[in-house]
């Protein structure tokens, strides 16, 4: 199954911003979406389930042709409870599709609402082919941030969803993703890393009014070279783990991080279950180059290649409380 999903999910890519499709799914498409099979379904229309319906097959929203796609589960579920998922086999993926070596077709204006998602959601532009070669090559150019953002999904809404993690990061927001909105939602289950990851060169995302109670092995939210995000009015059940870390993961996989985790607003959040000895609710400059792979991106005059430090600045961090 993993090989099948990888082959169907991987095709990467994007063009320019395209107007979103407004067509609702027809009866045949809804029947296919809810069919009992393990093959991914490519969603390119607006699906509204009836109460009691469930989707057990993976859902893939990929490329500009899927712009405007939507999924309203009406309280129903996506994925299989307890089934193992990996970074390459999420329950729901919003991915760009490669057209040529330097051109991508990306989905925009996608809305997911009222769903219980078993496993994980991954939103990814460059790197969605799984190789990281495109990200590595682009990061060696001065305009990498703009290129990554132009290639990545944008204007993605997750509202009133529950993502129940089964090991892999429940919600991964990949390099260059912009204007994602996670609102009135719950991240729960378990993760071998974080509950939410905002990766390098992503920006302008809104994380507001959510409950984070995932059992994590690390901090609850990682802001890794991601800028101008709003993390506001959320509740965190930490279970002794840290809350929000801002850093720049210099040199990982040889990819230069250009952007610093700056100009973020992290306010009015409530944290419970923090460690008594070292609570670490919101930590800026959490790494400062203390990783063995920081030298893997050396040799270029910008970003983490020139300076391994996190460079976090101009963030608004206030009115965050613990109980």
C-alpha atoms as a PDB file:
ATOM      1  CA  UNK A   1       0.000   0.000   0.000  1.00  0.00           C
ATOM      2  CA  UNK A   2       2.827   2.404   0.852  1.00  0.00           C
ATOM      3  CA  UNK A   3       4.342   1.988  -2.599  1.00  0.00           C
ATOM      4  CA  UNK A   4       0.974   2.563  -4.235  1.00  0.00           C
ATOM      5  CA  UNK A   5       0.316   5.709  -2.208  1.00  0.00           C
ATOM      6  CA  UNK A   6       3.788   7.049  -2.861  1.00  0.00           C
ATOM      7  CA  UNK A   7       3.428   6.514  -6.583  1.00  0.00           C
ATOM      8  CA  UNK A   8       0.029   8.207  -6.717  1.00  0.00           C
ATOM      9  CA  UNK A   9       0.820  10.985  -4.231  1.00  0.00           C
ATOM     10  CA  UNK A  10       4.251  11.931  -5.451  1.00  0.00           C
ATOM     11  CA  UNK A  11       3.749  13.572  -8.828  1.00  0.00           C
ATOM     12  CA  UNK A  12       4.710  17.124  -7.539  1.00  0.00           C
ATOM     13  CA  UNK A  13       4.109  20.560  -9.343  1.00  0.00           C
ATOM     14  CA  UNK A  14       2.682  24.336 -10.098  1.00  0.00           C
ATOM     15  CA  UNK A  15       1.686  27.135 -12.444  1.00  0.00           C
ATOM     16  CA  UNK A  16       0.447  30.625 -11.638  1.00  0.00           C
ATOM     17  CA  UNK A  17      -2.489  31.377  -9.364  1.00  0.00           C
ATOM     18  CA  UNK A  18      -5.642  30.042 -10.960  1.00  0.00           C
ATOM     19  CA  UNK A  19      -9.286  30.791 -10.156  1.00  0.00           C
ATOM     20  CA  UNK A  20     -10.791  28.107  -7.927  1.00  0.00           C
ATOM     21  CA  UNK A  21     -13.203  25.542  -9.250  1.00  0.00           C
ATOM     22  CA  UNK A  22     -16.693  25.997  -7.885  1.00  0.00           C
ATOM     23  CA  UNK A  23     -18.274  22.750  -9.055  1.00  0.00           C
ATOM     24  CA  UNK A  24     -19.867  20.501  -6.431  1.00  0.00           C
ATOM     25  CA  UNK A  25     -19.069  16.788  -6.643  1.00  0.00           C
ATOM     26  CA  UNK A  26     -21.666  14.748  -8.468  1.00  0.00           C
ATOM     27  CA  UNK A  27     -23.196  11.497  -7.212  1.00  0.00           C
ATOM     28  CA  UNK A  28     -20.639   9.305  -8.984  1.00  0.00           C
ATOM     29  CA  UNK A  29     -17.735  11.258  -7.496  1.00  0.00           C
ATOM     30  CA  UNK A  30     -19.194  11.052  -3.992  1.00  0.00           C
ATOM     31  CA  UNK A  31     -19.688   7.311  -4.399  1.00  0.00           C
ATOM     32  CA  UNK A  32     -16.066   6.917  -5.473  1.00  0.00           C
ATOM     33  CA  UNK A  33     -14.830   9.105  -2.616  1.00  0.00           C
ATOM     34  CA  UNK A  34     -16.600   6.944  -0.023  1.00  0.00           C
ATOM     35  CA  UNK A  35     -15.846   3.594  -1.666  1.00  0.00           C
ATOM     36  CA  UNK A  36     -14.236   0.863   0.463  1.00  0.00           C
ATOM     37  CA  UNK A  37     -10.748   0.773  -1.034  1.00  0.00           C
ATOM     38  CA  UNK A  38      -7.207   1.679  -0.026  1.00  0.00           C
ATOM     39  CA  UNK A  39      -6.391   3.511  -3.258  1.00  0.00           C
ATOM     40  CA  UNK A  40      -6.096   7.323  -2.895  1.00  0.00           C
ATOM     41  CA  UNK A  41      -8.935   9.426  -4.260  1.00  0.00           C
ATOM     42  CA  UNK A  42      -8.017  12.585  -6.167  1.00  0.00           C
ATOM     43  CA  UNK A  43     -10.492  15.214  -5.016  1.00  0.00           C
ATOM     44  CA  UNK A  44     -11.017  18.118  -7.425  1.00  0.00           C
ATOM     45  CA  UNK A  45     -14.584  19.156  -6.586  1.00  0.00           C
ATOM     46  CA  UNK A  46     -16.533  20.223  -3.492  1.00  0.00           C
ATOM     47  CA  UNK A  47     -17.766  17.215  -1.529  1.00  0.00           C
ATOM     48  CA  UNK A  48     -20.403  17.387   1.198  1.00  0.00           C
ATOM     49  CA  UNK A  49     -21.021  14.115   3.018  1.00  0.00           C
ATOM     50  CA  UNK A  50     -24.281  13.145   4.639  1.00  0.00           C
ATOM     51  CA  UNK A  51     -24.249  12.392   8.392  1.00  0.00           C
ATOM     52  CA  UNK A  52     -22.964   8.881   9.015  1.00  0.00           C
ATOM     53  CA  UNK A  53     -20.811   8.692   5.884  1.00  0.00           C
ATOM     54  CA  UNK A  54     -17.086   8.025   6.220  1.00  0.00           C
ATOM     55  CA  UNK A  55     -14.065   8.050   3.928  1.00  0.00           C
ATOM     56  CA  UNK A  56     -11.648   5.181   4.524  1.00  0.00           C
ATOM     57  CA  UNK A  57      -9.389   5.752   1.517  1.00  0.00           C
ATOM     58  CA  UNK A  58      -6.642   8.424   1.471  1.00  0.00           C
ATOM     59  CA  UNK A  59      -7.659  11.759  -0.061  1.00  0.00           C
ATOM     60  CA  UNK A  60      -5.308  13.669  -2.365  1.00  0.00           C
ATOM     61  CA  UNK A  61      -5.932  17.284  -3.415  1.00  0.00           C
ATOM     62  CA  UNK A  62      -3.172  18.026  -5.898  1.00  0.00           C
ATOM     63  CA  UNK A  63      -2.278  20.636  -8.484  1.00  0.00           C
ATOM     64  CA  UNK A  64      -4.001  23.732  -9.801  1.00  0.00           C
ATOM     65  CA  UNK A  65      -6.803  21.590 -11.195  1.00  0.00           C
ATOM     66  CA  UNK A  66      -7.876  20.922  -7.595  1.00  0.00           C
ATOM     67  CA  UNK A  67      -8.118  24.623  -6.682  1.00  0.00           C
ATOM     68  CA  UNK A  68     -11.436  25.309  -5.020  1.00  0.00           C
ATOM     69  CA  UNK A  69     -11.849  21.713  -3.899  1.00  0.00           C
ATOM     70  CA  UNK A  70     -13.508  21.152  -0.567  1.00  0.00           C
ATOM     71  CA  UNK A  71     -14.554  18.483   1.871  1.00  0.00           C
ATOM     72  CA  UNK A  72     -17.328  18.933   4.434  1.00  0.00           C
ATOM     73  CA  UNK A  73     -17.599  15.683   6.376  1.00  0.00           C
ATOM     74  CA  UNK A  74     -20.695  16.740   8.352  1.00  0.00           C
ATOM     75  CA  UNK A  75     -19.081  15.186  11.430  1.00  0.00           C
ATOM     76  CA  UNK A  76     -17.882  12.059   9.634  1.00  0.00           C
ATOM     77  CA  UNK A  77     -14.394  10.585   9.522  1.00  0.00           C
ATOM     78  CA  UNK A  78     -11.506  10.349   7.057  1.00  0.00           C
ATOM     79  CA  UNK A  79      -8.995   7.507   7.358  1.00  0.00           C
ATOM     80  CA  UNK A  80      -8.872   4.295   9.355  1.00  0.00           C
ATOM     81  CA  UNK A  81      -8.788   4.424  13.176  1.00  0.00           C
ATOM     82  CA  UNK A  82      -5.484   3.129  14.523  1.00  0.00           C
ATOM     83  CA  UNK A  83      -3.937   2.583  11.085  1.00  0.00           C
ATOM     84  CA  UNK A  84      -0.242   3.469  10.864  1.00  0.00           C
ATOM     85  CA  UNK A  85       0.568   6.511   8.735  1.00  0.00           C
ATOM     86  CA  UNK A  86       3.875   7.966   7.565  1.00  0.00           C
ATOM     87  CA  UNK A  87       5.048  11.258   6.092  1.00  0.00           C
ATOM     88  CA  UNK A  88       4.503   9.816   2.623  1.00  0.00           C
ATOM     89  CA  UNK A  89       1.112   8.198   3.345  1.00  0.00           C
ATOM     90  CA  UNK A  90      -1.119  10.767   5.082  1.00  0.00           C
ATOM     91  CA  UNK A  91      -4.859  10.389   5.406  1.00  0.00           C
ATOM     92  CA  UNK A  92      -5.313  13.714   3.625  1.00  0.00           C
ATOM     93  CA  UNK A  93      -2.751  15.500   1.441  1.00  0.00           C
ATOM     94  CA  UNK A  94      -2.824  18.907  -0.246  1.00  0.00           C
ATOM     95  CA  UNK A  95       0.177  18.789  -2.565  1.00  0.00           C
ATOM     96  CA  UNK A  96       1.685  20.625  -5.477  1.00  0.00           C
ATOM     97  CA  UNK A  97       2.529  18.741  -8.673  1.00  0.00           C
ATOM     98  CA  UNK A  98       5.763  19.179 -10.593  1.00  0.00           C
ATOM     99  CA  UNK A  99       5.409  20.318 -14.215  1.00  0.00           C
ATOM    100  CA  UNK A 100       9.051  20.863 -15.166  1.00  0.00           C
ATOM    101  CA  UNK A 101      12.332  21.082 -13.259  1.00  0.00           C
ATOM    102  CA  UNK A 102      11.420  24.540 -11.946  1.00  0.00           C
ATOM    103  CA  UNK A 103       7.660  24.807 -12.447  1.00  0.00           C
ATOM    104  CA  UNK A 104       4.945  23.556 -10.152  1.00  0.00           C
ATOM    105  CA  UNK A 105       1.154  23.330 -10.280  1.00  0.00           C
ATOM    106  CA  UNK A 106      -0.311  24.144  -6.875  1.00  0.00           C
ATOM    107  CA  UNK A 107      -3.789  23.915  -5.391  1.00  0.00           C
ATOM    108  CA  UNK A 108      -5.280  27.029  -3.804  1.00  0.00           C
ATOM    109  CA  UNK A 109      -8.535  27.947  -2.051  1.00  0.00           C
ATOM    110  CA  UNK A 110      -9.140  24.529  -0.501  1.00  0.00           C
ATOM    111  CA  UNK A 111     -11.523  24.096   2.447  1.00  0.00           C
ATOM    112  CA  UNK A 112     -11.754  21.122   4.822  1.00  0.00           C
ATOM    113  CA  UNK A 113     -14.421  21.293   7.536  1.00  0.00           C
ATOM    114  CA  UNK A 114     -16.288  19.218  10.142  1.00  0.00           C
ATOM    115  CA  UNK A 115     -14.047  16.150   9.724  1.00  0.00           C
ATOM    116  CA  UNK A 116     -12.455  13.696  12.132  1.00  0.00           C
ATOM    117  CA  UNK A 117      -9.186  12.795  10.400  1.00  0.00           C
ATOM    118  CA  UNK A 118      -7.403   9.664  11.557  1.00  0.00           C
ATOM    119  CA  UNK A 119      -3.641   9.896  11.041  1.00  0.00           C
ATOM    120  CA  UNK A 120      -2.239  13.048   9.522  1.00  0.00           C
ATOM    121  CA  UNK A 121      -2.671  15.957   7.117  1.00  0.00           C
ATOM    122  CA  UNK A 122       0.275  17.115   5.011  1.00  0.00           C
ATOM    123  CA  UNK A 123       0.356  20.291   2.926  1.00  0.00           C
ATOM    124  CA  UNK A 124       3.420  20.499   0.723  1.00  0.00           C
ATOM    125  CA  UNK A 125       4.873  22.222  -2.341  1.00  0.00           C
ATOM    126  CA  UNK A 126       8.553  21.774  -3.250  1.00  0.00           C
ATOM    127  CA  UNK A 127       9.690  18.453  -1.857  1.00  0.00           C
ATOM    128  CA  UNK A 128       6.353  16.725  -2.386  1.00  0.00           C
ATOM    129  CA  UNK A 129       8.170  14.314  -4.709  1.00  0.00           C
ATOM    130  CA  UNK A 130       9.960  13.062  -1.614  1.00  0.00           C
ATOM    131  CA  UNK A 131      13.515  13.718  -2.779  1.00  0.00           C
ATOM    132  CA  UNK A 132      14.316  17.169  -1.324  1.00  0.00           C
ATOM    133  CA  UNK A 133      16.532  17.712  -4.385  1.00  0.00           C
ATOM    134  CA  UNK A 134      14.325  20.530  -5.651  1.00  0.00           C
ATOM    135  CA  UNK A 135      14.322  22.279  -2.278  1.00  0.00           C
ATOM    136  CA  UNK A 136      18.080  21.871  -1.914  1.00  0.00           C
ATOM    137  CA  UNK A 137      18.780  23.308  -5.368  1.00  0.00           C
ATOM    138  CA  UNK A 138      16.355  26.209  -4.951  1.00  0.00           C
ATOM    139  CA  UNK A 139      17.791  27.076  -1.531  1.00  0.00           C
ATOM    140  CA  UNK A 140      21.120  27.764  -3.191  1.00  0.00           C
ATOM    141  CA  UNK A 141      19.614  30.729  -5.027  1.00  0.00           C
ATOM    142  CA  UNK A 142      18.982  34.196  -3.596  1.00  0.00           C
ATOM    143  CA  UNK A 143      15.230  34.144  -4.399  1.00  0.00           C
ATOM    144  CA  UNK A 144      14.472  30.839  -2.706  1.00  0.00           C
ATOM    145  CA  UNK A 145      11.780  32.108  -0.317  1.00  0.00           C
ATOM    146  CA  UNK A 146       9.732  33.613  -3.147  1.00  0.00           C
ATOM    147  CA  UNK A 147      10.206  30.505  -5.291  1.00  0.00           C
ATOM    148  CA  UNK A 148       9.160  28.143  -2.511  1.00  0.00           C
ATOM    149  CA  UNK A 149       6.059  30.196  -1.752  1.00  0.00           C
ATOM    150  CA  UNK A 150       5.075  30.385  -5.423  1.00  0.00           C
ATOM    151  CA  UNK A 151       5.312  26.591  -5.659  1.00  0.00           C
ATOM    152  CA  UNK A 152       3.381  25.725  -2.499  1.00  0.00           C
ATOM    153  CA  UNK A 153      -0.346  25.423  -1.737  1.00  0.00           C
ATOM    154  CA  UNK A 154      -1.952  28.642  -0.508  1.00  0.00           C
ATOM    155  CA  UNK A 155      -5.240  29.716   1.070  1.00  0.00           C
ATOM    156  CA  UNK A 156      -5.996  26.365   2.693  1.00  0.00           C
ATOM    157  CA  UNK A 157      -8.726  26.345   5.375  1.00  0.00           C
ATOM    158  CA  UNK A 158      -9.079  23.691   8.073  1.00  0.00           C
ATOM    159  CA  UNK A 159     -12.091  24.576  10.213  1.00  0.00           C
ATOM    160  CA  UNK A 160     -13.832  22.511  12.893  1.00  0.00           C
ATOM    161  CA  UNK A 161     -11.660  19.488  12.221  1.00  0.00           C
ATOM    162  CA  UNK A 162     -10.133  16.978  14.610  1.00  0.00           C
ATOM    163  CA  UNK A 163      -6.838  15.403  13.568  1.00  0.00           C
ATOM    164  CA  UNK A 164      -6.139  12.293  15.638  1.00  0.00           C
ATOM    165  CA  UNK A 165      -2.445  11.537  15.270  1.00  0.00           C
ATOM    166  CA  UNK A 166      -1.181   7.952  14.999  1.00  0.00           C
ATOM    167  CA  UNK A 167       2.572   8.582  15.174  1.00  0.00           C
ATOM    168  CA  UNK A 168       3.420  10.915  12.289  1.00  0.00           C
ATOM    169  CA  UNK A 169       3.043  14.693  12.837  1.00  0.00           C
ATOM    170  CA  UNK A 170      -0.745  15.317  12.783  1.00  0.00           C
ATOM    171  CA  UNK A 171      -0.513  18.571  10.782  1.00  0.00           C
ATOM    172  CA  UNK A 172       2.576  19.333   8.713  1.00  0.00           C
ATOM    173  CA  UNK A 173       2.661  22.676   6.875  1.00  0.00           C
ATOM    174  CA  UNK A 174       5.466  22.350   4.355  1.00  0.00           C
ATOM    175  CA  UNK A 175       8.075  24.713   2.918  1.00  0.00           C
ATOM    176  CA  UNK A 176       6.588  27.825   1.345  1.00  0.00           C
ATOM    177  CA  UNK A 177       2.950  27.224   2.304  1.00  0.00           C
ATOM    178  CA  UNK A 178       1.148  30.540   2.800  1.00  0.00           C
ATOM    179  CA  UNK A 179      -2.182  31.653   4.215  1.00  0.00           C
ATOM    180  CA  UNK A 180      -3.238  28.399   5.762  1.00  0.00           C
ATOM    181  CA  UNK A 181      -5.940  28.748   8.405  1.00  0.00           C
ATOM    182  CA  UNK A 182      -6.508  26.287  11.245  1.00  0.00           C
ATOM    183  CA  UNK A 183      -9.474  27.381  13.337  1.00  0.00           C
ATOM    184  CA  UNK A 184     -11.896  25.904  15.899  1.00  0.00           C
ATOM    185  CA  UNK A 185     -10.119  22.565  15.626  1.00  0.00           C
ATOM    186  CA  UNK A 186      -8.505  19.897  17.805  1.00  0.00           C
ATOM    187  CA  UNK A 187      -5.175  18.119  17.397  1.00  0.00           C
ATOM    188  CA  UNK A 188      -5.039  14.978  19.525  1.00  0.00           C
ATOM    189  CA  UNK A 189      -3.758  11.407  19.474  1.00  0.00           C
ATOM    190  CA  UNK A 190       0.001  10.902  19.500  1.00  0.00           C
ATOM    191  CA  UNK A 191       3.043  12.097  17.573  1.00  0.00           C
ATOM    192  CA  UNK A 192       6.677  11.017  17.515  1.00  0.00           C
ATOM    193  CA  UNK A 193       7.580  14.690  17.054  1.00  0.00           C
ATOM    194  CA  UNK A 194       5.284  17.743  17.240  1.00  0.00           C
ATOM    195  CA  UNK A 195       1.538  18.276  16.842  1.00  0.00           C
ATOM    196  CA  UNK A 196       1.949  21.070  14.277  1.00  0.00           C
ATOM    197  CA  UNK A 197       5.025  21.870  12.197  1.00  0.00           C
ATOM    198  CA  UNK A 198       5.371  25.138  10.268  1.00  0.00           C
ATOM    199  CA  UNK A 199       8.341  24.501   7.983  1.00  0.00           C
ATOM    200  CA  UNK A 200      10.879  26.836   6.405  1.00  0.00           C
ATOM    201  CA  UNK A 201       9.797  29.678   4.119  1.00  0.00           C
ATOM    202  CA  UNK A 202       6.119  29.252   5.048  1.00  0.00           C
ATOM    203  CA  UNK A 203       4.339  32.436   6.091  1.00  0.00           C
ATOM    204  CA  UNK A 204       1.134  34.285   6.936  1.00  0.00           C
ATOM    205  CA  UNK A 205      -0.643  31.304   8.453  1.00  0.00           C
ATOM    206  CA  UNK A 206      -3.412  31.611  11.061  1.00  0.00           C
ATOM    207  CA  UNK A 207      -3.619  29.194  13.995  1.00  0.00           C
ATOM    208  CA  UNK A 208      -6.490  30.475  16.104  1.00  0.00           C
ATOM    209  CA  UNK A 209      -9.048  29.144  18.567  1.00  0.00           C
ATOM    210  CA  UNK A 210      -7.830  25.540  18.610  1.00  0.00           C
ATOM    211  CA  UNK A 211      -7.226  22.844  21.234  1.00  0.00           C
ATOM    212  CA  UNK A 212      -3.841  21.102  21.169  1.00  0.00           C
ATOM    213  CA  UNK A 213      -3.731  17.928  23.238  1.00  0.00           C
ATOM    214  CA  UNK A 214      -1.570  15.616  21.141  1.00  0.00           C
ATOM    215  CA  UNK A 215       0.809  13.424  23.146  1.00  0.00           C
ATOM    216  CA  UNK A 216       4.061  14.658  21.643  1.00  0.00           C
ATOM    217  CA  UNK A 217       7.693  13.631  21.963  1.00  0.00           C
ATOM    218  CA  UNK A 218       8.792  17.263  21.531  1.00  0.00           C
ATOM    219  CA  UNK A 219       7.264  20.728  21.639  1.00  0.00           C
ATOM    220  CA  UNK A 220       3.619  21.093  20.593  1.00  0.00           C
ATOM    221  CA  UNK A 221       4.242  23.597  17.745  1.00  0.00           C
ATOM    222  CA  UNK A 222       7.490  24.070  15.811  1.00  0.00           C
ATOM    223  CA  UNK A 223       7.977  27.364  13.954  1.00  0.00           C
ATOM    224  CA  UNK A 224      10.998  26.489  11.804  1.00  0.00           C
ATOM    225  CA  UNK A 225      12.021  29.469   9.688  1.00  0.00           C
ATOM    226  CA  UNK A 226       8.353  30.406   9.314  1.00  0.00           C
ATOM    227  CA  UNK A 227       7.292  34.055   9.441  1.00  0.00           C
ATOM    228  CA  UNK A 228       4.331  36.366  10.013  1.00  0.00           C
ATOM    229  CA  UNK A 229       2.098  33.696  11.493  1.00  0.00           C
ATOM    230  CA  UNK A 230      -0.691  34.286  14.044  1.00  0.00           C
ATOM    231  CA  UNK A 231      -0.891  31.748  16.864  1.00  0.00           C
ATOM    232  CA  UNK A 232      -3.657  33.285  18.919  1.00  0.00           C
ATOM    233  CA  UNK A 233      -6.303  32.185  21.416  1.00  0.00           C
ATOM    234  CA  UNK A 234      -5.417  28.497  21.522  1.00  0.00           C
ATOM    235  CA  UNK A 235      -5.503  26.048  24.430  1.00  0.00           C
ATOM    236  CA  UNK A 236      -2.578  23.692  24.999  1.00  0.00           C
ATOM    237  CA  UNK A 237      -2.601  20.550  27.157  1.00  0.00           C
ATOM    238  CA  UNK A 238       1.154  19.998  27.289  1.00  0.00           C
ATOM    239  CA  UNK A 239       1.541  16.857  29.374  1.00  0.00           C
ATOM    240  CA  UNK A 240       4.934  18.095  30.572  1.00  0.00           C
ATOM    241  CA  UNK A 241       6.223  18.934  27.086  1.00  0.00           C
ATOM    242  CA  UNK A 242       7.120  22.422  25.790  1.00  0.00           C
ATOM    243  CA  UNK A 243       4.633  24.667  24.002  1.00  0.00           C
ATOM    244  CA  UNK A 244       5.841  26.676  20.996  1.00  0.00           C
ATOM    245  CA  UNK A 245       9.460  26.721  19.785  1.00  0.00           C
ATOM    246  CA  UNK A 246      10.758  29.258  17.255  1.00  0.00           C
ATOM    247  CA  UNK A 247      14.009  28.345  15.529  1.00  0.00           C
ATOM    248  CA  UNK A 248      15.730  27.766  12.189  1.00  0.00           C
ATOM    249  CA  UNK A 249      16.775  24.178  11.519  1.00  0.00           C
ATOM    250  CA  UNK A 250      20.050  25.077   9.836  1.00  0.00           C
ATOM    251  CA  UNK A 251      21.455  22.666   7.280  1.00  0.00           C
ATOM    252  CA  UNK A 252      18.953  19.819   7.632  1.00  0.00           C
ATOM    253  CA  UNK A 253      19.184  17.687   4.464  1.00  0.00           C
ATOM    254  CA  UNK A 254      21.530  20.337   3.088  1.00  0.00           C
ATOM    255  CA  UNK A 255      18.637  22.794   2.552  1.00  0.00           C
ATOM    256  CA  UNK A 256      19.492  26.418   3.371  1.00  0.00           C
ATOM    257  CA  UNK A 257      16.844  28.100   5.515  1.00  0.00           C
ATOM    258  CA  UNK A 258      16.558  31.650   4.189  1.00  0.00           C
ATOM    259  CA  UNK A 259      13.766  33.017   6.340  1.00  0.00           C
ATOM    260  CA  UNK A 260      14.044  33.520  10.081  1.00  0.00           C
ATOM    261  CA  UNK A 261      11.170  32.749  12.493  1.00  0.00           C
ATOM    262  CA  UNK A 262      10.268  36.422  12.768  1.00  0.00           C
ATOM    263  CA  UNK A 263       7.277  38.789  12.795  1.00  0.00           C
ATOM    264  CA  UNK A 264       5.046  36.133  14.349  1.00  0.00           C
ATOM    265  CA  UNK A 265       2.230  36.969  16.766  1.00  0.00           C
ATOM    266  CA  UNK A 266       1.831  34.496  19.639  1.00  0.00           C
ATOM    267  CA  UNK A 267      -0.689  35.905  22.087  1.00  0.00           C
ATOM    268  CA  UNK A 268      -3.634  35.063  24.343  1.00  0.00           C
ATOM    269  CA  UNK A 269      -2.892  31.340  24.532  1.00  0.00           C
ATOM    270  CA  UNK A 270      -3.614  29.202  27.603  1.00  0.00           C
ATOM    271  CA  UNK A 271      -1.189  26.437  28.586  1.00  0.00           C
ATOM    272  CA  UNK A 272      -1.906  23.657  31.066  1.00  0.00           C
ATOM    273  CA  UNK A 273       0.228  20.696  32.092  1.00  0.00           C
ATOM    274  CA  UNK A 274       3.547  22.528  31.681  1.00  0.00           C
ATOM    275  CA  UNK A 275       6.642  21.129  33.353  1.00  0.00           C
ATOM    276  CA  UNK A 276       6.997  22.630  36.830  1.00  0.00           C
ATOM    277  CA  UNK A 277      10.782  22.836  36.770  1.00  0.00           C
ATOM    278  CA  UNK A 278      11.148  24.166  33.224  1.00  0.00           C
ATOM    279  CA  UNK A 279       7.785  25.189  31.777  1.00  0.00           C
ATOM    280  CA  UNK A 280       8.977  26.561  28.377  1.00  0.00           C
ATOM    281  CA  UNK A 281       5.663  27.858  27.071  1.00  0.00           C
ATOM    282  CA  UNK A 282       6.988  29.959  24.155  1.00  0.00           C
ATOM    283  CA  UNK A 283      10.713  29.856  23.383  1.00  0.00           C
ATOM    284  CA  UNK A 284      12.353  32.096  20.799  1.00  0.00           C
ATOM    285  CA  UNK A 285      15.755  31.163  19.326  1.00  0.00           C
ATOM    286  CA  UNK A 286      15.298  27.638  20.666  1.00  0.00           C
ATOM    287  CA  UNK A 287      18.217  26.006  18.830  1.00  0.00           C
ATOM    288  CA  UNK A 288      20.861  28.561  17.816  1.00  0.00           C
ATOM    289  CA  UNK A 289      22.679  26.130  15.540  1.00  0.00           C
ATOM    290  CA  UNK A 290      23.105  23.335  18.035  1.00  0.00           C
ATOM    291  CA  UNK A 291      22.691  20.509  15.529  1.00  0.00           C
ATOM    292  CA  UNK A 292      25.269  18.196  13.957  1.00  0.00           C
ATOM    293  CA  UNK A 293      24.013  18.865  10.422  1.00  0.00           C
ATOM    294  CA  UNK A 294      24.194  22.675  10.547  1.00  0.00           C
ATOM    295  CA  UNK A 295      27.309  22.622   8.361  1.00  0.00           C
ATOM    296  CA  UNK A 296      25.612  20.638   5.599  1.00  0.00           C
ATOM    297  CA  UNK A 297      24.404  23.840   3.886  1.00  0.00           C
ATOM    298  CA  UNK A 298      27.679  25.790   4.070  1.00  0.00           C
ATOM    299  CA  UNK A 299      29.231  27.781   1.249  1.00  0.00           C
ATOM    300  CA  UNK A 300      26.570  30.352   0.342  1.00  0.00           C
ATOM    301  CA  UNK A 301      26.170  33.993   1.413  1.00  0.00           C
ATOM    302  CA  UNK A 302      22.606  33.874   2.715  1.00  0.00           C
ATOM    303  CA  UNK A 303      20.327  32.370   5.321  1.00  0.00           C
ATOM    304  CA  UNK A 304      21.489  29.538   7.547  1.00  0.00           C
ATOM    305  CA  UNK A 305      24.466  28.900   5.264  1.00  0.00           C
ATOM    306  CA  UNK A 306      25.931  32.226   6.358  1.00  0.00           C
ATOM    307  CA  UNK A 307      24.723  32.106   9.973  1.00  0.00           C
ATOM    308  CA  UNK A 308      23.612  29.003  11.867  1.00  0.00           C
ATOM    309  CA  UNK A 309      21.782  31.010  14.503  1.00  0.00           C
ATOM    310  CA  UNK A 310      17.981  31.144  14.533  1.00  0.00           C
ATOM    311  CA  UNK A 311      17.671  34.907  14.026  1.00  0.00           C
ATOM    312  CA  UNK A 312      14.225  35.138  15.605  1.00  0.00           C
ATOM    313  CA  UNK A 313      13.157  38.797  15.909  1.00  0.00           C
ATOM    314  CA  UNK A 314      10.197  41.189  15.902  1.00  0.00           C
ATOM    315  CA  UNK A 315       7.831  38.586  17.309  1.00  0.00           C
ATOM    316  CA  UNK A 316       4.925  39.649  19.511  1.00  0.00           C
ATOM    317  CA  UNK A 317       4.778  37.217  22.430  1.00  0.00           C
ATOM    318  CA  UNK A 318       2.489  38.287  25.270  1.00  0.00           C
ATOM    319  CA  UNK A 319      -0.635  37.505  27.294  1.00  0.00           C
ATOM    320  CA  UNK A 320       0.130  33.791  27.273  1.00  0.00           C
ATOM    321  CA  UNK A 321      -0.843  32.099  30.542  1.00  0.00           C
ATOM    322  CA  UNK A 322      -0.492  28.757  32.295  1.00  0.00           C
ATOM    323  CA  UNK A 323      -2.886  27.134  34.708  1.00  0.00           C
END
